[in-house]
Amino acid sequence: MVKQSKLAVTGAHYGLKDWLVQRVTAVLMTLYLILLAGVLFVAAPYDYAALKSIFSHQWMRIATFVFFTALLWHAWIGVRNVLMDYVHAAAVRLTLQIAVITVLLFYWVWIAEILWG
């Protein structure tokens, strides 16, 4: 007779989707940082006004917004998985997840305001 375990399954267990999102967002962030380094190398801004002029171009704002969107999504998946793996009390985990989502959404709106405000 096989003895069955009565352990509750806990943890993130989102599998391939999260793994893929983490890799895609990491690649997007890496490409942006390479682009930014190249732009800064070519433009060589010497003061704040010159640096600000780099971000006056619409394509650079969009690329920057995509970078921060990828960064926040990447962070959310990581934090959510850590909370699901290590915070076993459902009420505490849900409260922390709501707090993290709120903060990340605040940052996302703030980034949009900085870039287009």
PDB file of N, CA and C in Angstrom:
ATOM      1  N   MET A   1       0.837  -1.173   0.000  1.00  0.00           N
ATOM      2  CA  MET A   1       0.000   0.000   0.000  1.00  0.00           C
ATOM      3  C   MET A   1       0.888   1.244   0.000  1.00  0.00           C
ATOM      4  N   VAL A   2       0.521   2.214  -0.850  1.00  0.00           N
ATOM      5  CA  VAL A   2       1.289   3.444  -0.979  1.00  0.00           C
ATOM      6  C   VAL A   2       0.717   4.482  -0.031  1.00  0.00           C
ATOM      7  N   LYS A   3       1.584   5.041   0.766  1.00  0.00           N
ATOM      8  CA  LYS A   3       1.162   6.064   1.713  1.00  0.00           C
ATOM      9  C   LYS A   3       1.166   7.414   1.005  1.00  0.00           C
ATOM     10  N   GLN A   4       0.027   8.097   1.045  1.00  0.00           N
ATOM     11  CA  GLN A   4      -0.084   9.402   0.381  1.00  0.00           C
ATOM     12  C   GLN A   4       0.192  10.510   1.375  1.00  0.00           C
ATOM     13  N   SER A   5       0.891  11.518   0.889  1.00  0.00           N
ATOM     14  CA  SER A   5       1.226  12.662   1.720  1.00  0.00           C
ATOM     15  C   SER A   5       0.047  13.625   1.783  1.00  0.00           C
ATOM     16  N   LYS A   6      -0.145  14.235   2.919  1.00  0.00           N
ATOM     17  CA  LYS A   6      -1.224  15.217   3.080  1.00  0.00           C
ATOM     18  C   LYS A   6      -0.685  16.639   3.095  1.00  0.00           C
ATOM     19  N   LEU A   7       0.504  16.837   2.542  1.00  0.00           N
ATOM     20  CA  LEU A   7       1.090  18.166   2.484  1.00  0.00           C
ATOM     21  C   LEU A   7       0.331  19.019   1.481  1.00  0.00           C
ATOM     22  N   ALA A   8       0.087  20.253   1.842  1.00  0.00           N
ATOM     23  CA  ALA A   8      -0.567  21.191   0.921  1.00  0.00           C
ATOM     24  C   ALA A   8       0.454  21.699  -0.081  1.00  0.00           C
ATOM     25  N   VAL A   9       0.023  21.817  -1.298  1.00  0.00           N
ATOM     26  CA  VAL A   9       0.899  22.340  -2.334  1.00  0.00           C
ATOM     27  C   VAL A   9       0.903  23.855  -2.219  1.00  0.00           C
ATOM     28  N   THR A  10       2.074  24.408  -2.017  1.00  0.00           N
ATOM     29  CA  THR A  10       2.205  25.864  -1.940  1.00  0.00           C
ATOM     30  C   THR A  10       3.299  26.294  -2.891  1.00  0.00           C
ATOM     31  N   GLY A  11       3.351  27.552  -3.141  1.00  0.00           N
ATOM     32  CA  GLY A  11       4.390  28.080  -4.006  1.00  0.00           C
ATOM     33  C   GLY A  11       3.812  28.680  -5.261  1.00  0.00           C
ATOM     34  N   ALA A  12       4.676  29.266  -6.043  1.00  0.00           N
ATOM     35  CA  ALA A  12       4.233  29.991  -7.228  1.00  0.00           C
ATOM     36  C   ALA A  12       3.708  29.042  -8.298  1.00  0.00           C
ATOM     37  N   HIS A  13       4.521  28.128  -8.764  1.00  0.00           N
ATOM     38  CA  HIS A  13       4.130  27.121  -9.751  1.00  0.00           C
ATOM     39  C   HIS A  13       3.473  27.706 -10.996  1.00  0.00           C
ATOM     40  N   TYR A  14       3.973  28.813 -11.498  1.00  0.00           N
ATOM     41  CA  TYR A  14       3.427  29.379 -12.720  1.00  0.00           C
ATOM     42  C   TYR A  14       4.137  28.829 -13.946  1.00  0.00           C
ATOM     43  N   GLY A  15       5.277  28.226 -13.736  1.00  0.00           N
ATOM     44  CA  GLY A  15       5.932  27.475 -14.777  1.00  0.00           C
ATOM     45  C   GLY A  15       6.503  28.244 -15.941  1.00  0.00           C
ATOM     46  N   LEU A  16       6.253  27.698 -17.124  1.00  0.00           N
ATOM     47  CA  LEU A  16       6.878  28.169 -18.351  1.00  0.00           C
ATOM     48  C   LEU A  16       6.548  29.626 -18.658  1.00  0.00           C
ATOM     49  N   LYS A  17       5.328  30.046 -18.398  1.00  0.00           N
ATOM     50  CA  LYS A  17       4.925  31.426 -18.703  1.00  0.00           C
ATOM     51  C   LYS A  17       5.806  32.430 -17.953  1.00  0.00           C
ATOM     52  N   ASP A  18       5.949  32.242 -16.659  1.00  0.00           N
ATOM     53  CA  ASP A  18       6.777  33.164 -15.877  1.00  0.00           C
ATOM     54  C   ASP A  18       8.240  33.082 -16.280  1.00  0.00           C
ATOM     55  N   TRP A  19       8.718  31.888 -16.538  1.00  0.00           N
ATOM     56  CA  TRP A  19      10.106  31.725 -16.972  1.00  0.00           C
ATOM     57  C   TRP A  19      10.338  32.508 -18.256  1.00  0.00           C
ATOM     58  N   LEU A  20       9.405  32.385 -19.199  1.00  0.00           N
ATOM     59  CA  LEU A  20       9.528  33.071 -20.479  1.00  0.00           C
ATOM     60  C   LEU A  20       9.433  34.589 -20.315  1.00  0.00           C
ATOM     61  N   VAL A  21       8.500  35.056 -19.499  1.00  0.00           N
ATOM     62  CA  VAL A  21       8.359  36.501 -19.271  1.00  0.00           C
ATOM     63  C   VAL A  21       9.631  37.052 -18.634  1.00  0.00           C
ATOM     64  N   GLN A  22      10.194  36.339 -17.679  1.00  0.00           N
ATOM     65  CA  GLN A  22      11.435  36.795 -17.040  1.00  0.00           C
ATOM     66  C   GLN A  22      12.565  36.912 -18.065  1.00  0.00           C
ATOM     67  N   ARG A  23      12.654  35.954 -18.978  1.00  0.00           N
ATOM     68  CA  ARG A  23      13.724  35.998 -19.988  1.00  0.00           C
ATOM     69  C   ARG A  23      13.493  37.112 -20.997  1.00  0.00           C
ATOM     70  N   VAL A  24      12.248  37.257 -21.469  1.00  0.00           N
ATOM     71  CA  VAL A  24      11.944  38.299 -22.455  1.00  0.00           C
ATOM     72  C   VAL A  24      12.158  39.685 -21.854  1.00  0.00           C
ATOM     73  N   THR A  25      11.698  39.914 -20.638  1.00  0.00           N
ATOM     74  CA  THR A  25      11.904  41.232 -20.020  1.00  0.00           C
ATOM     75  C   THR A  25      13.383  41.491 -19.774  1.00  0.00           C
ATOM     76  N   ALA A  26      14.130  40.460 -19.412  1.00  0.00           N
ATOM     77  CA  ALA A  26      15.575  40.631 -19.216  1.00  0.00           C
ATOM     78  C   ALA A  26      16.259  41.010 -20.527  1.00  0.00           C
ATOM     79  N   VAL A  27      15.861  40.378 -21.619  1.00  0.00           N
ATOM     80  CA  VAL A  27      16.441  40.705 -22.931  1.00  0.00           C
ATOM     81  C   VAL A  27      16.073  42.133 -23.324  1.00  0.00           C
ATOM     82  N   LEU A  28      14.813  42.527 -23.132  1.00  0.00           N
ATOM     83  CA  LEU A  28      14.400  43.898 -23.458  1.00  0.00           C
ATOM     84  C   LEU A  28      15.201  44.923 -22.659  1.00  0.00           C
ATOM     85  N   MET A  29      15.382  44.647 -21.369  1.00  0.00           N
ATOM     86  CA  MET A  29      16.135  45.586 -20.535  1.00  0.00           C
ATOM     87  C   MET A  29      17.598  45.652 -20.968  1.00  0.00           C
ATOM     88  N   THR A  30      18.173  44.519 -21.320  1.00  0.00           N
ATOM     89  CA  THR A  30      19.564  44.496 -21.779  1.00  0.00           C
ATOM     90  C   THR A  30      19.722  45.271 -23.083  1.00  0.00           C
ATOM     91  N   LEU A  31      18.797  45.057 -24.030  1.00  0.00           N
ATOM     92  CA  LEU A  31      18.859  45.786 -25.298  1.00  0.00           C
ATOM     93  C   LEU A  31      18.742  47.293 -25.077  1.00  0.00           C
ATOM     94  N   TYR A  32      17.846  47.700 -24.176  1.00  0.00           N
ATOM     95  CA  TYR A  32      17.697  49.129 -23.890  1.00  0.00           C
ATOM     96  C   TYR A  32      18.985  49.695 -23.293  1.00  0.00           C
ATOM     97  N   LEU A  33      19.573  48.980 -22.355  1.00  0.00           N
ATOM     98  CA  LEU A  33      20.798  49.487 -21.729  1.00  0.00           C
ATOM     99  C   LEU A  33      21.941  49.599 -22.728  1.00  0.00           C
ATOM    100  N   ILE A  34      22.017  48.666 -23.672  1.00  0.00           N
ATOM    101  CA  ILE A  34      23.021  48.765 -24.742  1.00  0.00           C
ATOM    102  C   ILE A  34      22.729  49.975 -25.617  1.00  0.00           C
ATOM    103  N   LEU A  35      21.447  50.161 -25.971  1.00  0.00           N
ATOM    104  CA  LEU A  35      21.041  51.335 -26.756  1.00  0.00           C
ATOM    105  C   LEU A  35      21.377  52.626 -26.023  1.00  0.00           C
ATOM    106  N   LEU A  36      21.035  52.696 -24.756  1.00  0.00           N
ATOM    107  CA  LEU A  36      21.304  53.902 -23.963  1.00  0.00           C
ATOM    108  C   LEU A  36      22.806  54.173 -23.877  1.00  0.00           C
ATOM    109  N   ALA A  37      23.584  53.138 -23.649  1.00  0.00           N
ATOM    110  CA  ALA A  37      25.039  53.325 -23.587  1.00  0.00           C
ATOM    111  C   ALA A  37      25.569  53.853 -24.918  1.00  0.00           C
ATOM    112  N   GLY A  38      25.072  53.312 -26.022  1.00  0.00           N
ATOM    113  CA  GLY A  38      25.486  53.793 -27.342  1.00  0.00           C
ATOM    114  C   GLY A  38      25.107  55.235 -27.584  1.00  0.00           C
ATOM    115  N   VAL A  39      23.867  55.593 -27.218  1.00  0.00           N
ATOM    116  CA  VAL A  39      23.406  56.976 -27.388  1.00  0.00           C
ATOM    117  C   VAL A  39      24.246  57.915 -26.529  1.00  0.00           C
ATOM    118  N   LEU A  40      24.499  57.527 -25.296  1.00  0.00           N
ATOM    119  CA  LEU A  40      25.304  58.383 -24.410  1.00  0.00           C
ATOM    120  C   LEU A  40      26.738  58.494 -24.909  1.00  0.00           C
ATOM    121  N   PHE A  41      27.270  57.427 -25.494  1.00  0.00           N
ATOM    122  CA  PHE A  41      28.625  57.462 -26.038  1.00  0.00           C
ATOM    123  C   PHE A  41      28.703  58.401 -27.234  1.00  0.00           C
ATOM    124  N   VAL A  42      27.715  58.322 -28.123  1.00  0.00           N
ATOM    125  CA  VAL A  42      27.717  59.158 -29.324  1.00  0.00           C
ATOM    126  C   VAL A  42      27.396  60.614 -28.984  1.00  0.00           C
ATOM    127  N   ALA A  43      26.365  60.833 -28.185  1.00  0.00           N
ATOM    128  CA  ALA A  43      25.939  62.202 -27.877  1.00  0.00           C
ATOM    129  C   ALA A  43      26.861  62.885 -26.872  1.00  0.00           C
ATOM    130  N   ALA A  44      27.452  62.103 -25.979  1.00  0.00           N
ATOM    131  CA  ALA A  44      28.346  62.616 -24.942  1.00  0.00           C
ATOM    132  C   ALA A  44      27.801  63.882 -24.277  1.00  0.00           C
ATOM    133  N   PRO A  45      26.660  63.762 -23.604  1.00  0.00           N
ATOM    134  CA  PRO A  45      26.086  64.956 -22.967  1.00  0.00           C
ATOM    135  C   PRO A  45      27.012  65.480 -21.873  1.00  0.00           C
ATOM    136  N   TYR A  46      27.217  66.764 -21.867  1.00  0.00           N
ATOM    137  CA  TYR A  46      28.149  67.390 -20.928  1.00  0.00           C
ATOM    138  C   TYR A  46      27.445  68.116 -19.789  1.00  0.00           C
ATOM    139  N   ASP A  47      26.125  68.289 -19.884  1.00  0.00           N
ATOM    140  CA  ASP A  47      25.364  68.910 -18.805  1.00  0.00           C
ATOM    141  C   ASP A  47      23.928  68.379 -18.825  1.00  0.00           C
ATOM    142  N   TYR A  48      23.141  68.854 -17.890  1.00  0.00           N
ATOM    143  CA  TYR A  48      21.769  68.374 -17.755  1.00  0.00           C
ATOM    144  C   TYR A  48      20.933  68.679 -18.995  1.00  0.00           C
ATOM    145  N   ALA A  49      21.096  69.844 -19.567  1.00  0.00           N
ATOM    146  CA  ALA A  49      20.316  70.226 -20.754  1.00  0.00           C
ATOM    147  C   ALA A  49      20.610  69.287 -21.927  1.00  0.00           C
ATOM    148  N   ALA A  50      21.860  68.924 -22.099  1.00  0.00           N
ATOM    149  CA  ALA A  50      22.223  68.003 -23.180  1.00  0.00           C
ATOM    150  C   ALA A  50      21.659  66.610 -22.918  1.00  0.00           C
ATOM    151  N   LEU A  51      21.696  66.182 -21.666  1.00  0.00           N
ATOM    152  CA  LEU A  51      21.117  64.885 -21.309  1.00  0.00           C
ATOM    153  C   LEU A  51      19.609  64.894 -21.508  1.00  0.00           C
ATOM    154  N   LYS A  52      18.979  65.982 -21.109  1.00  0.00           N
ATOM    155  CA  LYS A  52      17.527  66.107 -21.271  1.00  0.00           C
ATOM    156  C   LYS A  52      17.131  66.099 -22.742  1.00  0.00           C
ATOM    157  N   SER A  53      17.958  66.661 -23.593  1.00  0.00           N
ATOM    158  CA  SER A  53      17.631  66.702 -25.017  1.00  0.00           C
ATOM    159  C   SER A  53      17.609  65.301 -25.643  1.00  0.00           C
ATOM    160  N   ILE A  54      18.386  64.384 -25.081  1.00  0.00           N
ATOM    161  CA  ILE A  54      18.357  62.996 -25.574  1.00  0.00           C
ATOM    162  C   ILE A  54      16.960  62.410 -25.390  1.00  0.00           C
ATOM    163  N   PHE A  55      16.342  62.718 -24.260  1.00  0.00           N
ATOM    164  CA  PHE A  55      15.022  62.166 -23.953  1.00  0.00           C
ATOM    165  C   PHE A  55      13.884  63.018 -24.509  1.00  0.00           C
ATOM    166  N   SER A  56      14.206  64.038 -25.299  1.00  0.00           N
ATOM    167  CA  SER A  56      13.151  64.829 -25.933  1.00  0.00           C
ATOM    168  C   SER A  56      12.614  64.144 -27.184  1.00  0.00           C
ATOM    169  N   HIS A  57      13.335  63.164 -27.691  1.00  0.00           N
ATOM    170  CA  HIS A  57      12.893  62.417 -28.869  1.00  0.00           C
ATOM    171  C   HIS A  57      11.849  61.383 -28.464  1.00  0.00           C
ATOM    172  N   GLN A  58      10.769  61.318 -29.243  1.00  0.00           N
ATOM    173  CA  GLN A  58       9.667  60.411 -28.923  1.00  0.00           C
ATOM    174  C   GLN A  58      10.120  58.948 -28.871  1.00  0.00           C
ATOM    175  N   TRP A  59      10.994  58.523 -29.782  1.00  0.00           N
ATOM    176  CA  TRP A  59      11.438  57.129 -29.800  1.00  0.00           C
ATOM    177  C   TRP A  59      12.203  56.769 -28.530  1.00  0.00           C
ATOM    178  N   MET A  60      12.948  57.739 -27.994  1.00  0.00           N
ATOM    179  CA  MET A  60      13.707  57.474 -26.772  1.00  0.00           C
ATOM    180  C   MET A  60      12.769  57.388 -25.572  1.00  0.00           C
ATOM    181  N   ARG A  61      11.743  58.222 -25.556  1.00  0.00           N
ATOM    182  CA  ARG A  61      10.749  58.137 -24.472  1.00  0.00           C
ATOM    183  C   ARG A  61      10.026  56.797 -24.505  1.00  0.00           C
ATOM    184  N   ILE A  62       9.639  56.363 -25.706  1.00  0.00           N
ATOM    185  CA  ILE A  62       8.934  55.083 -25.833  1.00  0.00           C
ATOM    186  C   ILE A  62       9.851  53.940 -25.406  1.00  0.00           C
ATOM    187  N   ALA A  63      11.100  53.961 -25.853  1.00  0.00           N
ATOM    188  CA  ALA A  63      12.058  52.917 -25.471  1.00  0.00           C
ATOM    189  C   ALA A  63      12.265  52.903 -23.957  1.00  0.00           C
ATOM    190  N   THR A  64      12.341  54.081 -23.363  1.00  0.00           N
ATOM    191  CA  THR A  64      12.518  54.181 -21.910  1.00  0.00           C
ATOM    192  C   THR A  64      11.287  53.665 -21.178  1.00  0.00           C
ATOM    193  N   PHE A  65      10.105  53.997 -21.687  1.00  0.00           N
ATOM    194  CA  PHE A  65       8.871  53.518 -21.062  1.00  0.00           C
ATOM    195  C   PHE A  65       8.762  51.995 -21.175  1.00  0.00           C
ATOM    196  N   VAL A  66       9.131  51.451 -22.320  1.00  0.00           N
ATOM    197  CA  VAL A  66       9.130  49.988 -22.488  1.00  0.00           C
ATOM    198  C   VAL A  66      10.129  49.354 -21.519  1.00  0.00           C
ATOM    199  N   PHE A  67      11.302  49.979 -21.362  1.00  0.00           N
ATOM    200  CA  PHE A  67      12.298  49.476 -20.418  1.00  0.00           C
ATOM    201  C   PHE A  67      11.727  49.417 -19.005  1.00  0.00           C
ATOM    202  N   PHE A  68      11.117  50.507 -18.549  1.00  0.00           N
ATOM    203  CA  PHE A  68      10.598  50.529 -17.177  1.00  0.00           C
ATOM    204  C   PHE A  68       9.392  49.610 -17.012  1.00  0.00           C
ATOM    205  N   THR A  69       8.577  49.467 -18.052  1.00  0.00           N
ATOM    206  CA  THR A  69       7.471  48.520 -17.996  1.00  0.00           C
ATOM    207  C   THR A  69       8.014  47.101 -17.844  1.00  0.00           C
ATOM    208  N   ALA A  70       9.039  46.767 -18.621  1.00  0.00           N
ATOM    209  CA  ALA A  70       9.671  45.447 -18.504  1.00  0.00           C
ATOM    210  C   ALA A  70      10.299  45.269 -17.124  1.00  0.00           C
ATOM    211  N   LEU A  71      10.939  46.307 -16.618  1.00  0.00           N
ATOM    212  CA  LEU A  71      11.571  46.237 -15.299  1.00  0.00           C
ATOM    213  C   LEU A  71      10.539  45.971 -14.205  1.00  0.00           C
ATOM    214  N   LEU A  72       9.419  46.701 -14.245  1.00  0.00           N
ATOM    215  CA  LEU A  72       8.396  46.524 -13.217  1.00  0.00           C
ATOM    216  C   LEU A  72       7.715  45.163 -13.333  1.00  0.00           C
ATOM    217  N   TRP A  73       7.485  44.695 -14.547  1.00  0.00           N
ATOM    218  CA  TRP A  73       6.890  43.375 -14.743  1.00  0.00           C
ATOM    219  C   TRP A  73       7.844  42.286 -14.245  1.00  0.00           C
ATOM    220  N   HIS A  74       9.115  42.433 -14.577  1.00  0.00           N
ATOM    221  CA  HIS A  74      10.156  41.508 -14.133  1.00  0.00           C
ATOM    222  C   HIS A  74      10.199  41.470 -12.598  1.00  0.00           C
ATOM    223  N   ALA A  75      10.158  42.646 -11.994  1.00  0.00           N
ATOM    224  CA  ALA A  75      10.196  42.741 -10.530  1.00  0.00           C
ATOM    225  C   ALA A  75       8.955  42.091  -9.922  1.00  0.00           C
ATOM    226  N   TRP A  76       7.786  42.344 -10.504  1.00  0.00           N
ATOM    227  CA  TRP A  76       6.548  41.777  -9.966  1.00  0.00           C
ATOM    228  C   TRP A  76       6.602  40.249  -9.958  1.00  0.00           C
ATOM    229  N   ILE A  77       7.051  39.661 -11.039  1.00  0.00           N
ATOM    230  CA  ILE A  77       7.100  38.201 -11.096  1.00  0.00           C
ATOM    231  C   ILE A  77       8.056  37.665 -10.031  1.00  0.00           C
ATOM    232  N   GLY A  78       9.199  38.289  -9.891  1.00  0.00           N
ATOM    233  CA  GLY A  78      10.156  37.849  -8.883  1.00  0.00           C
ATOM    234  C   GLY A  78       9.628  37.981  -7.470  1.00  0.00           C
ATOM    235  N   VAL A  79       9.047  39.131  -7.157  1.00  0.00           N
ATOM    236  CA  VAL A  79       8.529  39.356  -5.802  1.00  0.00           C
ATOM    237  C   VAL A  79       7.340  38.431  -5.535  1.00  0.00           C
ATOM    238  N   ARG A  80       6.447  38.297  -6.509  1.00  0.00           N
ATOM    239  CA  ARG A  80       5.288  37.426  -6.327  1.00  0.00           C
ATOM    240  C   ARG A  80       5.721  35.985  -6.062  1.00  0.00           C
ATOM    241  N   ASN A  81       6.694  35.504  -6.818  1.00  0.00           N
ATOM    242  CA  ASN A  81       7.156  34.133  -6.616  1.00  0.00           C
ATOM    243  C   ASN A  81       7.802  33.944  -5.254  1.00  0.00           C
ATOM    244  N   VAL A  82       8.572  34.932  -4.815  1.00  0.00           N
ATOM    245  CA  VAL A  82       9.181  34.844  -3.483  1.00  0.00           C
ATOM    246  C   VAL A  82       8.092  34.840  -2.412  1.00  0.00           C
ATOM    247  N   LEU A  83       7.098  35.718  -2.543  1.00  0.00           N
ATOM    248  CA  LEU A  83       6.013  35.756  -1.556  1.00  0.00           C
ATOM    249  C   LEU A  83       5.232  34.443  -1.551  1.00  0.00           C
ATOM    250  N   MET A  84       4.966  33.901  -2.733  1.00  0.00           N
ATOM    251  CA  MET A  84       4.202  32.642  -2.796  1.00  0.00           C
ATOM    252  C   MET A  84       4.995  31.479  -2.216  1.00  0.00           C
ATOM    253  N   ASP A  85       6.305  31.521  -2.352  1.00  0.00           N
ATOM    254  CA  ASP A  85       7.129  30.429  -1.840  1.00  0.00           C
ATOM    255  C   ASP A  85       7.392  30.521  -0.336  1.00  0.00           C
ATOM    256  N   TYR A  86       7.480  31.734   0.198  1.00  0.00           N
ATOM    257  CA  TYR A  86       7.947  31.879   1.573  1.00  0.00           C
ATOM    258  C   TYR A  86       6.951  32.478   2.550  1.00  0.00           C
ATOM    259  N   VAL A  87       5.862  33.053   2.079  1.00  0.00           N
ATOM    260  CA  VAL A  87       4.837  33.585   2.984  1.00  0.00           C
ATOM    261  C   VAL A  87       3.633  32.667   2.867  1.00  0.00           C
ATOM    262  N   HIS A  88       3.449  31.807   3.853  1.00  0.00           N
ATOM    263  CA  HIS A  88       2.430  30.772   3.765  1.00  0.00           C
ATOM    264  C   HIS A  88       1.067  31.225   4.276  1.00  0.00           C
ATOM    265  N   ALA A  89       1.016  32.233   5.113  1.00  0.00           N
ATOM    266  CA  ALA A  89      -0.277  32.739   5.592  1.00  0.00           C
ATOM    267  C   ALA A  89      -0.929  33.531   4.457  1.00  0.00           C
ATOM    268  N   ALA A  90      -2.063  33.053   3.988  1.00  0.00           N
ATOM    269  CA  ALA A  90      -2.713  33.633   2.808  1.00  0.00           C
ATOM    270  C   ALA A  90      -3.049  35.107   2.984  1.00  0.00           C
ATOM    271  N   ALA A  91      -3.527  35.488   4.160  1.00  0.00           N
ATOM    272  CA  ALA A  91      -3.914  36.889   4.382  1.00  0.00           C
ATOM    273  C   ALA A  91      -2.690  37.811   4.325  1.00  0.00           C
ATOM    274  N   VAL A  92      -1.606  37.380   4.923  1.00  0.00           N
ATOM    275  CA  VAL A  92      -0.375  38.181   4.917  1.00  0.00           C
ATOM    276  C   VAL A  92       0.183  38.265   3.497  1.00  0.00           C
ATOM    277  N   ARG A  93       0.193  37.126   2.800  1.00  0.00           N
ATOM    278  CA  ARG A  93       0.701  37.096   1.432  1.00  0.00           C
ATOM    279  C   ARG A  93      -0.128  38.008   0.526  1.00  0.00           C
ATOM    280  N   LEU A  94      -1.455  37.938   0.639  1.00  0.00           N
ATOM    281  CA  LEU A  94      -2.323  38.780  -0.184  1.00  0.00           C
ATOM    282  C   LEU A  94      -2.112  40.256   0.125  1.00  0.00           C
ATOM    283  N   THR A  95      -1.970  40.588   1.388  1.00  0.00           N
ATOM    284  CA  THR A  95      -1.722  41.980   1.787  1.00  0.00           C
ATOM    285  C   THR A  95      -0.403  42.482   1.195  1.00  0.00           C
ATOM    286  N   LEU A  96       0.632  41.675   1.282  1.00  0.00           N
ATOM    287  CA  LEU A  96       1.923  42.064   0.724  1.00  0.00           C
ATOM    288  C   LEU A  96       1.860  42.182  -0.798  1.00  0.00           C
ATOM    289  N   GLN A  97       1.153  41.258  -1.447  1.00  0.00           N
ATOM    290  CA  GLN A  97       1.024  41.331  -2.900  1.00  0.00           C
ATOM    291  C   GLN A  97       0.280  42.592  -3.329  1.00  0.00           C
ATOM    292  N   ILE A  98      -0.775  42.934  -2.624  1.00  0.00           N
ATOM    293  CA  ILE A  98      -1.517  44.165  -2.941  1.00  0.00           C
ATOM    294  C   ILE A  98      -0.637  45.392  -2.727  1.00  0.00           C
ATOM    295  N   ALA A  99       0.150  45.383  -1.672  1.00  0.00           N
ATOM    296  CA  ALA A  99       1.064  46.506  -1.417  1.00  0.00           C
ATOM    297  C   ALA A  99       2.091  46.637  -2.538  1.00  0.00           C
ATOM    298  N   VAL A 100       2.663  45.508  -2.960  1.00  0.00           N
ATOM    299  CA  VAL A 100       3.667  45.534  -4.034  1.00  0.00           C
ATOM    300  C   VAL A 100       3.036  46.012  -5.336  1.00  0.00           C
ATOM    301  N   ILE A 101       1.860  45.490  -5.674  1.00  0.00           N
ATOM    302  CA  ILE A 101       1.164  45.928  -6.891  1.00  0.00           C
ATOM    303  C   ILE A 101       0.898  47.424  -6.849  1.00  0.00           C
ATOM    304  N   THR A 102       0.451  47.928  -5.718  1.00  0.00           N
ATOM    305  CA  THR A 102       0.168  49.356  -5.575  1.00  0.00           C
ATOM    306  C   THR A 102       1.414  50.193  -5.797  1.00  0.00           C
ATOM    307  N   VAL A 103       2.509  49.790  -5.183  1.00  0.00           N
ATOM    308  CA  VAL A 103       3.763  50.525  -5.336  1.00  0.00           C
ATOM    309  C   VAL A 103       4.246  50.483  -6.784  1.00  0.00           C
ATOM    310  N   LEU A 104       4.197  49.302  -7.407  1.00  0.00           N
ATOM    311  CA  LEU A 104       4.654  49.184  -8.794  1.00  0.00           C
ATOM    312  C   LEU A 104       3.781  49.995  -9.748  1.00  0.00           C
ATOM    313  N   LEU A 105       2.481  50.006  -9.533  1.00  0.00           N
ATOM    314  CA  LEU A 105       1.606  50.836 -10.371  1.00  0.00           C
ATOM    315  C   LEU A 105       1.874  52.327 -10.157  1.00  0.00           C
ATOM    316  N   PHE A 106       2.140  52.706  -8.916  1.00  0.00           N
ATOM    317  CA  PHE A 106       2.516  54.099  -8.630  1.00  0.00           C
ATOM    318  C   PHE A 106       3.778  54.471  -9.397  1.00  0.00           C
ATOM    319  N   TYR A 107       4.784  53.618  -9.356  1.00  0.00           N
ATOM    320  CA  TYR A 107       6.017  53.882 -10.096  1.00  0.00           C
ATOM    321  C   TYR A 107       5.770  53.974 -11.595  1.00  0.00           C
ATOM    322  N   TRP A 108       4.908  53.105 -12.120  1.00  0.00           N
ATOM    323  CA  TRP A 108       4.611  53.094 -13.554  1.00  0.00           C
ATOM    324  C   TRP A 108       3.969  54.409 -13.987  1.00  0.00           C
ATOM    325  N   VAL A 109       3.018  54.895 -13.204  1.00  0.00           N
ATOM    326  CA  VAL A 109       2.373  56.187 -13.504  1.00  0.00           C
ATOM    327  C   VAL A 109       3.379  57.319 -13.355  1.00  0.00           C
ATOM    328  N   TRP A 110       4.218  57.252 -12.341  1.00  0.00           N
ATOM    329  CA  TRP A 110       5.232  58.281 -12.118  1.00  0.00           C
ATOM    330  C   TRP A 110       6.208  58.344 -13.293  1.00  0.00           C
ATOM    331  N   ILE A 111       6.616  57.193 -13.793  1.00  0.00           N
ATOM    332  CA  ILE A 111       7.520  57.146 -14.942  1.00  0.00           C
ATOM    333  C   ILE A 111       6.858  57.792 -16.158  1.00  0.00           C
ATOM    334  N   ALA A 112       5.586  57.478 -16.389  1.00  0.00           N
ATOM    335  CA  ALA A 112       4.860  58.083 -17.509  1.00  0.00           C
ATOM    336  C   ALA A 112       4.776  59.595 -17.336  1.00  0.00           C
ATOM    337  N   GLU A 113       4.547  60.046 -16.124  1.00  0.00           N
ATOM    338  CA  GLU A 113       4.477  61.487 -15.864  1.00  0.00           C
ATOM    339  C   GLU A 113       5.828  62.156 -16.115  1.00  0.00           C
ATOM    340  N   ILE A 114       6.906  61.511 -15.733  1.00  0.00           N
ATOM    341  CA  ILE A 114       8.244  62.071 -15.972  1.00  0.00           C
ATOM    342  C   ILE A 114       8.533  62.156 -17.465  1.00  0.00           C
ATOM    343  N   LEU A 115       8.181  61.096 -18.186  1.00  0.00           N
ATOM    344  CA  LEU A 115       8.519  61.052 -19.611  1.00  0.00           C
ATOM    345  C   LEU A 115       7.622  61.944 -20.467  1.00  0.00           C
ATOM    346  N   TRP A 116       6.346  62.074 -20.111  1.00  0.00           N
ATOM    347  CA  TRP A 116       5.425  62.851 -20.948  1.00  0.00           C
ATOM    348  C   TRP A 116       4.777  64.026 -20.239  1.00  0.00           C
ATOM    349  N   GLY A 117       5.124  64.229 -18.970  1.00  0.00           N
ATOM    350  CA  GLY A 117       4.473  65.286 -18.194  1.00  0.00           C
ATOM    351  C   GLY A 117       4.987  66.663 -18.457  1.00  0.00           C
TER     352      GLY A 117
END
